Amino acid sequence: MPNSGFDNIFNKVKGVTKQAAEQTGRAAKAAKLKMAAMSLTTEKTGHLQTIGQRCYTLFTENQNIDGALLQAKIAEELKQIERIETKIRELETEINELQANSQHVDVTDVTAPD
């Protein structure tokens, strides 16, 4: 059967192409998740800046920092930072899982017909 060699190559190429498409899809999803994590990190930085500003304002108003008063003024920011850090950890776990499931596409396995 002379066509069986071509069928074999075609099936291998088809398999490699499918595998490459799946790997590309995983890479695209990982990139999207990384962008989301970066966006959350930017949001976290904003909350940290707000905490710093509130701390400085409290100090300039009273020439000292009352811990209880400071904590009351920044409690919501701290909650938001905790929420963000939890979400970032979830995204990083998902990214790591995607990368661990990535398989190397070996195009050298496609051989010529006999």
Protein backbone atom coordinates (compact mmCIF):
# COMPACT_ATOMS: atom_id res chain seq x y z
CA MET A 1 0.00 0.00 0.00
CA PRO A 2 1.85 3.07 -1.19
CA ASN A 3 -0.65 5.48 0.43
CA SER A 4 -0.10 4.12 3.93
CA GLY A 5 3.21 6.03 4.17
CA PHE A 6 1.50 9.28 3.26
CA ASP A 7 -1.35 8.49 5.64
CA ASN A 8 1.19 7.89 8.38
CA ILE A 9 2.94 11.22 7.70
CA PHE A 10 -0.39 13.03 7.42
CA ASN A 11 -1.58 11.59 10.73
CA LYS A 12 1.68 12.53 12.44
CA VAL A 13 1.57 16.06 11.03
CA LYS A 14 -2.05 16.36 12.07
CA GLY A 15 -1.17 15.18 15.59
CA VAL A 16 1.76 17.58 15.87
CA THR A 17 -0.37 20.45 14.56
CA LYS A 18 -3.10 19.69 17.09
CA GLN A 19 -0.53 19.47 19.88
CA ALA A 20 1.04 22.77 18.81
CA ALA A 21 -2.38 24.44 18.73
CA GLU A 22 -3.17 23.18 22.23
CA GLN A 23 0.21 24.38 23.49
CA THR A 24 -0.34 27.78 21.88
CA GLY A 25 -3.76 27.99 23.52
CA ARG A 26 -2.26 27.21 26.93
CA ALA A 27 0.49 29.79 26.37
CA ALA A 28 -2.09 32.42 25.39
CA LYS A 29 -4.18 31.65 28.47
CA ALA A 30 -1.06 31.82 30.68
CA ALA A 31 -0.17 35.21 29.16
CA LYS A 32 -3.69 36.49 29.83
CA LEU A 33 -3.47 35.30 33.44
CA LYS A 34 -0.05 36.95 33.84
CA MET A 35 -1.53 40.24 32.61
CA ALA A 36 -4.35 39.92 35.14
CA ALA A 37 -1.79 39.30 37.90
CA MET A 38 0.21 42.35 36.80
CA SER A 39 -2.95 44.45 36.87
CA LEU A 40 -3.71 43.25 40.39
CA THR A 41 -0.15 44.06 41.45
CA THR A 42 -0.64 47.61 40.16
CA GLU A 43 -3.88 47.85 42.12
CA LYS A 44 -2.08 46.57 45.23
CA THR A 45 0.61 49.23 44.79
CA GLY A 46 -2.11 51.88 44.77
CA HIS A 47 -3.48 50.60 48.07
CA LEU A 48 0.00 50.58 49.58
CA GLN A 49 0.51 54.18 48.47
CA THR A 50 -2.80 55.14 50.07
CA ILE A 51 -1.71 53.49 53.32
CA GLY A 52 1.55 55.45 53.21
CA GLN A 53 -0.28 58.70 52.56
CA ARG A 54 -2.71 58.09 55.42
CA CYS A 55 0.14 57.18 57.75
CA TYR A 56 2.04 60.35 56.85
CA THR A 57 -1.09 62.51 57.20
CA LEU A 58 -1.77 61.03 60.63
CA PHE A 59 1.81 61.75 61.69
CA THR A 60 1.76 65.35 60.43
CA GLU A 61 -1.55 66.03 62.16
CA ASN A 62 -0.52 64.58 65.55
CA GLN A 63 3.30 64.46 65.44
CA ASN A 64 3.04 60.79 66.42
CA ILE A 65 1.31 57.69 65.16
CA ASP A 66 -1.44 56.12 67.24
CA GLY A 67 -1.51 52.46 66.12
CA ALA A 68 -5.22 51.97 66.82
CA LEU A 69 -6.16 55.13 64.94
CA LEU A 70 -3.88 54.23 62.05
CA GLN A 71 -5.33 50.74 61.82
CA ALA A 72 -8.85 52.18 61.75
CA LYS A 73 -7.88 54.53 58.92
CA ILE A 74 -6.25 51.82 56.79
CA ALA A 75 -8.39 48.75 57.61
CA GLU A 76 -10.21 48.78 54.26
CA GLU A 77 -6.97 49.13 52.32
CA LEU A 78 -5.52 46.15 54.20
CA LYS A 79 -8.60 44.06 53.37
CA GLN A 80 -8.25 44.97 49.71
CA ILE A 81 -4.56 44.04 49.71
CA GLU A 82 -5.36 40.65 51.27
CA ARG A 83 -8.04 40.05 48.61
CA ILE A 84 -5.60 40.99 45.85
CA GLU A 85 -2.81 38.79 47.22
CA THR A 86 -5.19 35.81 47.42
CA LYS A 87 -6.27 36.34 43.82
CA ILE A 88 -2.65 36.71 42.65
CA ARG A 89 -1.74 33.41 44.35
CA GLU A 90 -4.70 31.73 42.61
CA LEU A 91 -3.60 33.11 39.24
CA GLU A 92 -0.01 32.02 39.81
CA THR A 93 -1.18 28.51 40.68
CA GLU A 94 -3.25 28.37 37.49
CA ILE A 95 -0.31 29.68 35.44
CA ASN A 96 2.01 27.07 36.94
CA GLU A 97 -0.49 24.31 36.18
CA LEU A 98 -0.78 25.47 32.56
CA GLN A 99 2.97 25.55 32.19
CA ALA A 100 3.38 22.14 33.82
CA ASN A 101 0.84 20.66 31.40
CA SER A 102 2.64 22.10 28.39
CA GLN A 103 4.25 19.45 26.31
CA HIS A 104 7.12 19.90 23.92
CA VAL A 105 6.07 19.48 20.30
CA ASP A 106 8.58 17.15 18.62
CA VAL A 107 8.43 17.72 14.87
CA THR A 108 11.41 15.42 14.29
CA ASP A 109 9.06 12.48 14.81
CA VAL A 110 7.51 13.09 11.40
CA THR A 111 9.30 10.74 9.04
CA ALA A 112 9.26 10.27 5.33
CA PRO A 113 7.38 7.32 3.82
CA ASP A 114 9.31 4.10 3.33
